[in-house]
Every structure is written in structure tokens, then in C-alpha cells.
Amino acid sequence: MAGDIGPMSGKSNVLFWLERRGLPMNDEVVDRIYKCAKSSDHTLTEAEIMECVQGL
């Protein structure tokens, strides 16, 4: 699915994912999701991404 976020994703993928869902796109949220994706060995689930968003 377009917009997946995983270890090979860039920040543009994170921004696209957030935008499609109408979620906040400030630097802190983007950086947190990006770091989580880079440290992962798989494409993040929606639940994993939302944990990053809600953890702020």
C-alpha cells in the first residue's frame, strides 16, 4: 500500500502517511515516527505508528 513506513522510508513517506490521515505533521511527530521506522526491521503497522503519534 502506498504510504507504508518502514526502515527504507524517508521523511516524505511519514509526511504523506500523516497527511492522508489528517494527523499533525510537526517536526517532533515526523522525527519520532522516522526514528522508529529506521530502527525497525519491518514495515510499521498502523498501531505502531499511532503509538509514536500518541506518545507525544
N, C-alpha and C. Protein backbone atom coordinates (compact mmCIF):
# COMPACT_ATOMS: atom_id res chain seq x y z
N MET A 1 0.84 -1.18 0.00
CA MET A 1 0.00 0.00 0.00
C MET A 1 0.89 1.25 0.00
N ALA A 2 0.55 2.20 -0.81
CA ALA A 2 1.31 3.45 -0.84
C ALA A 2 1.21 4.13 0.51
N GLY A 3 2.31 4.69 0.95
CA GLY A 3 2.29 5.37 2.21
C GLY A 3 2.78 4.53 3.37
N ASP A 4 3.18 3.27 3.08
CA ASP A 4 3.74 2.45 4.14
C ASP A 4 5.03 3.08 4.65
N ILE A 5 5.31 2.86 5.93
CA ILE A 5 6.51 3.42 6.54
C ILE A 5 7.34 2.27 7.10
N GLY A 6 8.57 2.17 6.65
CA GLY A 6 9.47 1.12 7.11
C GLY A 6 10.89 1.61 7.15
N PRO A 7 11.84 0.69 7.35
CA PRO A 7 13.23 1.08 7.51
C PRO A 7 13.84 1.78 6.29
N MET A 8 13.28 1.57 5.12
CA MET A 8 13.82 2.20 3.92
C MET A 8 13.08 3.50 3.56
N SER A 9 12.12 3.87 4.38
CA SER A 9 11.31 5.06 4.12
C SER A 9 12.08 6.34 4.43
N GLY A 10 11.66 7.39 3.75
CA GLY A 10 12.19 8.71 4.04
C GLY A 10 11.14 9.52 4.78
N LYS A 11 11.51 10.71 5.16
CA LYS A 11 10.57 11.57 5.89
C LYS A 11 9.36 11.93 5.04
N SER A 12 9.52 11.93 3.72
CA SER A 12 8.38 12.23 2.85
C SER A 12 7.30 11.17 2.99
N ASN A 13 7.69 9.91 3.21
CA ASN A 13 6.71 8.85 3.44
C ASN A 13 5.92 9.11 4.72
N VAL A 14 6.63 9.56 5.75
CA VAL A 14 6.00 9.86 7.03
C VAL A 14 5.01 11.01 6.85
N LEU A 15 5.45 12.06 6.18
CA LEU A 15 4.57 13.21 5.94
C LEU A 15 3.33 12.81 5.16
N PHE A 16 3.49 11.98 4.14
CA PHE A 16 2.38 11.52 3.31
C PHE A 16 1.40 10.72 4.16
N TRP A 17 1.92 9.81 4.99
CA TRP A 17 1.08 8.97 5.84
C TRP A 17 0.24 9.83 6.78
N LEU A 18 0.88 10.80 7.42
CA LEU A 18 0.18 11.68 8.35
C LEU A 18 -0.86 12.54 7.63
N GLU A 19 -0.48 13.08 6.49
CA GLU A 19 -1.38 13.94 5.73
C GLU A 19 -2.64 13.18 5.31
N ARG A 20 -2.47 11.95 4.83
CA ARG A 20 -3.61 11.14 4.38
C ARG A 20 -4.61 10.88 5.50
N ARG A 21 -4.13 10.92 6.74
CA ARG A 21 -4.98 10.64 7.89
C ARG A 21 -5.38 11.89 8.67
N GLY A 22 -4.97 13.06 8.18
CA GLY A 22 -5.34 14.31 8.81
C GLY A 22 -4.71 14.49 10.19
N LEU A 23 -3.54 13.92 10.38
CA LEU A 23 -2.85 13.99 11.68
C LEU A 23 -1.81 15.11 11.67
N PRO A 24 -1.40 15.57 12.86
CA PRO A 24 -0.42 16.66 12.94
C PRO A 24 0.90 16.28 12.28
N MET A 25 1.51 17.26 11.63
CA MET A 25 2.75 16.98 10.90
C MET A 25 3.88 17.88 11.38
N ASN A 26 4.00 18.08 12.68
CA ASN A 26 5.11 18.90 13.16
C ASN A 26 6.40 18.07 13.19
N ASP A 27 7.51 18.76 13.32
CA ASP A 27 8.83 18.10 13.27
C ASP A 27 8.98 17.01 14.31
N GLU A 28 8.44 17.23 15.49
CA GLU A 28 8.59 16.26 16.57
C GLU A 28 7.90 14.94 16.23
N VAL A 29 6.69 15.01 15.69
CA VAL A 29 5.95 13.80 15.29
C VAL A 29 6.68 13.09 14.17
N VAL A 30 7.06 13.83 13.14
CA VAL A 30 7.74 13.25 11.98
C VAL A 30 9.04 12.58 12.41
N ASP A 31 9.84 13.26 13.21
CA ASP A 31 11.12 12.69 13.66
C ASP A 31 10.93 11.43 14.49
N ARG A 32 9.92 11.44 15.33
CA ARG A 32 9.68 10.27 16.19
C ARG A 32 9.29 9.04 15.35
N ILE A 33 8.39 9.22 14.39
CA ILE A 33 7.98 8.11 13.53
C ILE A 33 9.15 7.66 12.67
N TYR A 34 9.89 8.62 12.12
CA TYR A 34 11.04 8.31 11.26
C TYR A 34 12.08 7.47 12.01
N LYS A 35 12.40 7.86 13.23
CA LYS A 35 13.38 7.11 14.03
C LYS A 35 12.88 5.71 14.36
N CYS A 36 11.61 5.60 14.65
CA CYS A 36 11.02 4.29 14.93
C CYS A 36 11.11 3.38 13.70
N ALA A 37 10.81 3.95 12.54
CA ALA A 37 10.87 3.17 11.29
C ALA A 37 12.30 2.73 10.98
N LYS A 38 13.26 3.63 11.17
CA LYS A 38 14.65 3.31 10.86
C LYS A 38 15.21 2.23 11.79
N SER A 39 14.69 2.14 13.00
CA SER A 39 15.19 1.14 13.95
C SER A 39 14.43 -0.18 13.83
N SER A 40 13.46 -0.23 12.95
CA SER A 40 12.63 -1.42 12.78
C SER A 40 13.18 -2.31 11.66
N ASP A 41 12.81 -3.58 11.70
CA ASP A 41 13.20 -4.50 10.62
C ASP A 41 12.01 -4.85 9.74
N HIS A 42 10.92 -4.08 9.89
CA HIS A 42 9.71 -4.36 9.12
C HIS A 42 8.95 -3.05 8.86
N THR A 43 7.96 -3.15 7.99
CA THR A 43 7.07 -2.02 7.77
C THR A 43 6.21 -1.85 9.02
N LEU A 44 6.14 -0.65 9.52
CA LEU A 44 5.39 -0.41 10.75
C LEU A 44 3.89 -0.61 10.51
N THR A 45 3.24 -1.15 11.52
CA THR A 45 1.79 -1.28 11.46
C THR A 45 1.18 0.08 11.80
N GLU A 46 -0.08 0.24 11.48
CA GLU A 46 -0.75 1.49 11.83
C GLU A 46 -0.72 1.68 13.34
N ALA A 47 -0.88 0.61 14.10
CA ALA A 47 -0.85 0.71 15.56
C ALA A 47 0.51 1.20 16.06
N GLU A 48 1.59 0.70 15.46
CA GLU A 48 2.94 1.14 15.86
C GLU A 48 3.15 2.62 15.56
N ILE A 49 2.66 3.06 14.42
CA ILE A 49 2.81 4.47 14.04
C ILE A 49 1.98 5.34 14.99
N MET A 50 0.76 4.91 15.28
CA MET A 50 -0.09 5.69 16.17
C MET A 50 0.49 5.76 17.58
N GLU A 51 1.21 4.73 18.02
CA GLU A 51 1.89 4.78 19.31
C GLU A 51 2.88 5.93 19.32
N CYS A 52 3.60 6.11 18.21
CA CYS A 52 4.56 7.20 18.09
C CYS A 52 3.85 8.55 18.15
N VAL A 53 2.72 8.67 17.46
CA VAL A 53 1.98 9.92 17.42
C VAL A 53 1.39 10.23 18.80
N GLN A 54 0.81 9.25 19.45
CA GLN A 54 0.15 9.47 20.72
C GLN A 54 1.13 9.61 21.87
N GLY A 55 2.36 9.17 21.67
CA GLY A 55 3.35 9.24 22.74
C GLY A 55 3.87 10.64 23.00
N LEU A 56 3.41 11.61 22.24
CA LEU A 56 3.90 12.99 22.41
C LEU A 56 2.98 13.80 23.28
